[in-house]
Amino acid sequence: MSVAYTVVAVVSALWVGFSGFSLLRRADFVTAPLIQYGVPRSAWTLLGLAKSAGAVGLLVGLAVPAIGIAAAVCLILYFLGAVVTVLRARSYNTVAFPVLYLAPVVATLALGFTA
Protein backbone atom coordinates (compact mmCIF):
# COMPACT_ATOMS: atom_id res chain seq x y z
CA MET A 1 0.00 0.00 0.00
CA SER A 2 1.49 3.31 -1.06
CA VAL A 3 1.73 6.43 1.03
CA ALA A 4 -0.15 8.36 -1.67
CA TYR A 5 -3.07 5.91 -1.53
CA THR A 6 -3.22 6.09 2.26
CA VAL A 7 -3.15 9.89 2.32
CA VAL A 8 -5.76 10.28 -0.44
CA ALA A 9 -8.02 7.64 1.13
CA VAL A 10 -7.90 9.31 4.55
CA VAL A 11 -8.45 12.80 3.13
CA SER A 12 -11.34 11.52 0.98
CA ALA A 13 -12.90 9.76 3.96
CA LEU A 14 -12.63 12.88 6.12
CA TRP A 15 -14.06 15.07 3.33
CA VAL A 16 -17.00 12.76 2.62
CA GLY A 17 -17.51 12.05 6.32
CA PHE A 18 -17.73 15.78 7.01
CA SER A 19 -20.37 16.08 4.30
CA GLY A 20 -22.35 13.17 5.72
CA PHE A 21 -22.14 14.54 9.26
CA SER A 22 -23.18 18.00 8.06
CA LEU A 23 -26.21 16.55 6.33
CA LEU A 24 -27.17 14.48 9.36
CA ARG A 25 -27.04 17.54 11.59
CA ARG A 26 -29.00 19.52 8.95
CA ALA A 27 -26.40 22.24 8.40
CA ASP A 28 -27.89 25.07 6.37
CA PHE A 29 -25.08 25.10 3.82
CA VAL A 30 -25.99 21.51 2.93
CA THR A 31 -29.77 21.55 3.25
CA ALA A 32 -30.46 24.83 1.41
CA PRO A 33 -29.20 23.46 -1.92
CA LEU A 34 -31.08 20.19 -1.37
CA ILE A 35 -34.30 22.16 -1.02
CA GLN A 36 -33.44 24.08 -4.19
CA TYR A 37 -32.77 20.82 -6.07
CA GLY A 38 -36.06 19.30 -4.92
CA VAL A 39 -34.58 16.50 -2.81
CA PRO A 40 -37.28 15.35 -0.38
CA ARG A 41 -36.53 15.89 3.30
CA SER A 42 -37.46 12.29 3.96
CA ALA A 43 -34.35 11.21 2.02
CA TRP A 44 -31.86 13.43 3.85
CA THR A 45 -31.13 11.04 6.71
CA LEU A 46 -30.55 8.13 4.35
CA LEU A 47 -28.30 10.25 2.15
CA GLY A 48 -26.29 11.39 5.17
CA LEU A 49 -25.96 7.82 6.41
CA ALA A 50 -24.88 6.63 2.95
CA LYS A 51 -22.12 9.24 2.80
CA SER A 52 -21.02 8.44 6.35
CA ALA A 53 -20.97 4.69 5.67
CA GLY A 54 -18.96 5.30 2.51
CA ALA A 55 -16.43 7.35 4.46
CA VAL A 56 -16.07 4.60 7.04
CA GLY A 57 -15.74 2.07 4.22
CA LEU A 58 -12.86 4.02 2.70
CA LEU A 59 -11.04 3.89 6.03
CA VAL A 60 -11.78 0.19 6.53
CA GLY A 61 -10.47 -0.30 3.01
CA LEU A 62 -7.00 0.53 4.26
CA ALA A 63 -7.08 -2.83 6.08
CA VAL A 64 -9.56 -4.74 3.88
CA PRO A 65 -9.10 -3.58 0.28
CA ALA A 66 -12.32 -5.16 -1.02
CA ILE A 67 -14.38 -3.02 1.35
CA GLY A 68 -12.51 0.10 0.28
CA ILE A 69 -13.16 -0.68 -3.37
CA ALA A 70 -16.85 -1.30 -2.71
CA ALA A 71 -17.13 1.91 -0.70
CA ALA A 72 -15.38 3.94 -3.40
CA VAL A 73 -17.60 2.52 -6.15
CA CYS A 74 -20.74 3.25 -4.14
CA LEU A 75 -19.59 6.78 -3.34
CA ILE A 76 -18.77 7.39 -6.99
CA LEU A 77 -22.29 6.31 -7.92
CA TYR A 78 -23.69 8.48 -5.13
CA PHE A 79 -21.86 11.60 -6.28
CA LEU A 80 -22.63 10.95 -9.95
CA GLY A 81 -26.27 10.87 -8.86
CA ALA A 82 -25.70 14.17 -7.08
CA VAL A 83 -24.26 15.69 -10.26
CA VAL A 84 -27.30 14.50 -12.20
CA THR A 85 -29.63 15.93 -9.54
CA VAL A 86 -27.92 19.32 -9.72
CA LEU A 87 -28.03 19.34 -13.51
CA ARG A 88 -31.70 18.34 -13.57
CA ALA A 89 -32.42 21.23 -11.23
CA ARG A 90 -30.63 23.47 -13.76
CA SER A 91 -28.34 24.78 -11.04
CA TYR A 92 -25.30 24.86 -13.29
CA ASN A 93 -23.37 27.25 -11.07
CA THR A 94 -23.33 24.69 -8.20
CA VAL A 95 -22.47 21.53 -10.15
CA ALA A 96 -18.86 21.88 -9.02
CA PHE A 97 -19.78 21.03 -5.44
CA PRO A 98 -20.63 17.35 -5.93
CA VAL A 99 -17.66 17.09 -8.30
CA LEU A 100 -15.40 18.31 -5.48
CA TYR A 101 -16.49 15.26 -3.49
CA LEU A 102 -16.42 12.92 -6.48
CA ALA A 103 -12.85 13.68 -7.58
CA PRO A 104 -10.97 12.53 -4.45
CA VAL A 105 -13.04 9.36 -4.25
CA VAL A 106 -12.17 8.56 -7.89
CA ALA A 107 -8.51 9.25 -7.06
CA THR A 108 -8.74 6.92 -4.06
CA LEU A 109 -10.16 4.13 -6.21
CA ALA A 110 -7.53 4.66 -8.92
CA LEU A 111 -4.68 4.68 -6.41
CA GLY A 112 -6.15 1.61 -4.73
CA PHE A 113 -5.70 -0.37 -7.91
CA THR A 114 -2.11 0.74 -8.35
CA ALA A 115 -1.11 0.22 -4.71
C-alpha atoms as a PDB file:
ATOM      1  CA  MET A   1       0.000   0.000   0.000  1.00  0.00           C
ATOM      2  CA  SER A   2       1.486   3.306  -1.059  1.00  0.00           C
ATOM      3  CA  VAL A   3       1.731   6.429   1.030  1.00  0.00           C
ATOM      4  CA  ALA A   4      -0.154   8.363  -1.668  1.00  0.00           C
ATOM      5  CA  TYR A   5      -3.067   5.906  -1.534  1.00  0.00           C
ATOM      6  CA  THR A   6      -3.217   6.092   2.260  1.00  0.00           C
ATOM      7  CA  VAL A   7      -3.154   9.892   2.318  1.00  0.00           C
ATOM      8  CA  VAL A   8      -5.755  10.276  -0.436  1.00  0.00           C
ATOM      9  CA  ALA A   9      -8.021   7.638   1.127  1.00  0.00           C
ATOM     10  CA  VAL A  10      -7.895   9.312   4.552  1.00  0.00           C
ATOM     11  CA  VAL A  11      -8.445  12.803   3.130  1.00  0.00           C
ATOM     12  CA  SER A  12     -11.336  11.519   0.981  1.00  0.00           C
ATOM     13  CA  ALA A  13     -12.903   9.756   3.956  1.00  0.00           C
ATOM     14  CA  LEU A  14     -12.626  12.878   6.116  1.00  0.00           C
ATOM     15  CA  TRP A  15     -14.056  15.074   3.330  1.00  0.00           C
ATOM     16  CA  VAL A  16     -17.002  12.759   2.616  1.00  0.00           C
ATOM     17  CA  GLY A  17     -17.508  12.054   6.320  1.00  0.00           C
ATOM     18  CA  PHE A  18     -17.733  15.783   7.014  1.00  0.00           C
ATOM     19  CA  SER A  19     -20.365  16.078   4.299  1.00  0.00           C
ATOM     20  CA  GLY A  20     -22.350  13.172   5.719  1.00  0.00           C
ATOM     21  CA  PHE A  21     -22.142  14.536   9.263  1.00  0.00           C
ATOM     22  CA  SER A  22     -23.177  18.001   8.062  1.00  0.00           C
ATOM     23  CA  LEU A  23     -26.212  16.552   6.330  1.00  0.00           C
ATOM     24  CA  LEU A  24     -27.173  14.476   9.360  1.00  0.00           C
ATOM     25  CA  ARG A  25     -27.043  17.536  11.589  1.00  0.00           C
ATOM     26  CA  ARG A  26     -29.000  19.515   8.954  1.00  0.00           C
ATOM     27  CA  ALA A  27     -26.401  22.237   8.396  1.00  0.00           C
ATOM     28  CA  ASP A  28     -27.894  25.069   6.371  1.00  0.00           C
ATOM     29  CA  PHE A  29     -25.080  25.104   3.816  1.00  0.00           C
ATOM     30  CA  VAL A  30     -25.993  21.507   2.935  1.00  0.00           C
ATOM     31  CA  THR A  31     -29.771  21.546   3.248  1.00  0.00           C
ATOM     32  CA  ALA A  32     -30.456  24.826   1.413  1.00  0.00           C
ATOM     33  CA  PRO A  33     -29.204  23.461  -1.919  1.00  0.00           C
ATOM     34  CA  LEU A  34     -31.080  20.189  -1.373  1.00  0.00           C
ATOM     35  CA  ILE A  35     -34.303  22.164  -1.016  1.00  0.00           C
ATOM     36  CA  GLN A  36     -33.439  24.085  -4.189  1.00  0.00           C
ATOM     37  CA  TYR A  37     -32.767  20.824  -6.070  1.00  0.00           C
ATOM     38  CA  GLY A  38     -36.055  19.303  -4.918  1.00  0.00           C
ATOM     39  CA  VAL A  39     -34.576  16.497  -2.814  1.00  0.00           C
ATOM     40  CA  PRO A  40     -37.281  15.354  -0.380  1.00  0.00           C
ATOM     41  CA  ARG A  41     -36.531  15.890   3.296  1.00  0.00           C
ATOM     42  CA  SER A  42     -37.462  12.291   3.960  1.00  0.00           C
ATOM     43  CA  ALA A  43     -34.352  11.210   2.025  1.00  0.00           C
ATOM     44  CA  TRP A  44     -31.863  13.430   3.847  1.00  0.00           C
ATOM     45  CA  THR A  45     -31.127  11.042   6.708  1.00  0.00           C
ATOM     46  CA  LEU A  46     -30.553   8.127   4.348  1.00  0.00           C
ATOM     47  CA  LEU A  47     -28.300  10.251   2.153  1.00  0.00           C
ATOM     48  CA  GLY A  48     -26.288  11.388   5.172  1.00  0.00           C
ATOM     49  CA  LEU A  49     -25.964   7.816   6.408  1.00  0.00           C
ATOM     50  CA  ALA A  50     -24.884   6.630   2.949  1.00  0.00           C
ATOM     51  CA  LYS A  51     -22.118   9.238   2.803  1.00  0.00           C
ATOM     52  CA  SER A  52     -21.022   8.440   6.349  1.00  0.00           C
ATOM     53  CA  ALA A  53     -20.975   4.694   5.674  1.00  0.00           C
ATOM     54  CA  GLY A  54     -18.962   5.302   2.513  1.00  0.00           C
ATOM     55  CA  ALA A  55     -16.431   7.354   4.459  1.00  0.00           C
ATOM     56  CA  VAL A  56     -16.072   4.598   7.044  1.00  0.00           C
ATOM     57  CA  GLY A  57     -15.743   2.073   4.215  1.00  0.00           C
ATOM     58  CA  LEU A  58     -12.858   4.025   2.699  1.00  0.00           C
ATOM     59  CA  LEU A  59     -11.037   3.892   6.025  1.00  0.00           C
ATOM     60  CA  VAL A  60     -11.780   0.190   6.530  1.00  0.00           C
ATOM     61  CA  GLY A  61     -10.471  -0.299   3.007  1.00  0.00           C
ATOM     62  CA  LEU A  62      -6.998   0.529   4.259  1.00  0.00           C
ATOM     63  CA  ALA A  63      -7.077  -2.830   6.076  1.00  0.00           C
ATOM     64  CA  VAL A  64      -9.563  -4.735   3.884  1.00  0.00           C
ATOM     65  CA  PRO A  65      -9.096  -3.581   0.283  1.00  0.00           C
ATOM     66  CA  ALA A  66     -12.321  -5.158  -1.020  1.00  0.00           C
ATOM     67  CA  ILE A  67     -14.382  -3.016   1.354  1.00  0.00           C
ATOM     68  CA  GLY A  68     -12.511   0.102   0.279  1.00  0.00           C
ATOM     69  CA  ILE A  69     -13.157  -0.682  -3.374  1.00  0.00           C
ATOM     70  CA  ALA A  70     -16.850  -1.297  -2.709  1.00  0.00           C
ATOM     71  CA  ALA A  71     -17.129   1.914  -0.698  1.00  0.00           C
ATOM     72  CA  ALA A  72     -15.379   3.944  -3.397  1.00  0.00           C
ATOM     73  CA  VAL A  73     -17.597   2.520  -6.155  1.00  0.00           C
ATOM     74  CA  CYS A  74     -20.740   3.246  -4.142  1.00  0.00           C
ATOM     75  CA  LEU A  75     -19.588   6.777  -3.340  1.00  0.00           C
ATOM     76  CA  ILE A  76     -18.770   7.388  -6.993  1.00  0.00           C
ATOM     77  CA  LEU A  77     -22.294   6.312  -7.924  1.00  0.00           C
ATOM     78  CA  TYR A  78     -23.689   8.482  -5.127  1.00  0.00           C
ATOM     79  CA  PHE A  79     -21.859  11.603  -6.282  1.00  0.00           C
ATOM     80  CA  LEU A  80     -22.629  10.946  -9.951  1.00  0.00           C
ATOM     81  CA  GLY A  81     -26.270  10.873  -8.863  1.00  0.00           C
ATOM     82  CA  ALA A  82     -25.696  14.166  -7.076  1.00  0.00           C
ATOM     83  CA  VAL A  83     -24.260  15.687 -10.255  1.00  0.00           C
ATOM     84  CA  VAL A  84     -27.305  14.500 -12.204  1.00  0.00           C
ATOM     85  CA  THR A  85     -29.627  15.928  -9.540  1.00  0.00           C
ATOM     86  CA  VAL A  86     -27.915  19.320  -9.718  1.00  0.00           C
ATOM     87  CA  LEU A  87     -28.025  19.344 -13.512  1.00  0.00           C
ATOM     88  CA  ARG A  88     -31.698  18.335 -13.572  1.00  0.00           C
ATOM     89  CA  ALA A  89     -32.422  21.231 -11.234  1.00  0.00           C
ATOM     90  CA  ARG A  90     -30.627  23.473 -13.764  1.00  0.00           C
ATOM     91  CA  SER A  91     -28.337  24.777 -11.039  1.00  0.00           C
ATOM     92  CA  TYR A  92     -25.297  24.860 -13.293  1.00  0.00           C
ATOM     93  CA  ASN A  93     -23.375  27.245 -11.067  1.00  0.00           C
ATOM     94  CA  THR A  94     -23.325  24.693  -8.205  1.00  0.00           C
ATOM     95  CA  VAL A  95     -22.466  21.531 -10.148  1.00  0.00           C
ATOM     96  CA  ALA A  96     -18.860  21.881  -9.025  1.00  0.00           C
ATOM     97  CA  PHE A  97     -19.777  21.032  -5.435  1.00  0.00           C
ATOM     98  CA  PRO A  98     -20.628  17.351  -5.926  1.00  0.00           C
ATOM     99  CA  VAL A  99     -17.655  17.094  -8.304  1.00  0.00           C
ATOM    100  CA  LEU A 100     -15.397  18.313  -5.476  1.00  0.00           C
ATOM    101  CA  TYR A 101     -16.488  15.257  -3.486  1.00  0.00           C
ATOM    102  CA  LEU A 102     -16.416  12.917  -6.478  1.00  0.00           C
ATOM    103  CA  ALA A 103     -12.848  13.681  -7.581  1.00  0.00           C
ATOM    104  CA  PRO A 104     -10.973  12.532  -4.453  1.00  0.00           C
ATOM    105  CA  VAL A 105     -13.042   9.356  -4.255  1.00  0.00           C
ATOM    106  CA  VAL A 106     -12.168   8.562  -7.891  1.00  0.00           C
ATOM    107  CA  ALA A 107      -8.515   9.248  -7.063  1.00  0.00           C
ATOM    108  CA  THR A 108      -8.743   6.924  -4.059  1.00  0.00           C
ATOM    109  CA  LEU A 109     -10.160   4.132  -6.209  1.00  0.00           C
ATOM    110  CA  ALA A 110      -7.533   4.661  -8.917  1.00  0.00           C
ATOM    111  CA  LEU A 111      -4.681   4.677  -6.415  1.00  0.00           C
ATOM    112  CA  GLY A 112      -6.146   1.606  -4.731  1.00  0.00           C
ATOM    113  CA  PHE A 113      -5.704  -0.374  -7.912  1.00  0.00           C
ATOM    114  CA  THR A 114      -2.106   0.741  -8.346  1.00  0.00           C
ATOM    115  CA  ALA A 115      -1.112   0.224  -4.715  1.00  0.00           C
END
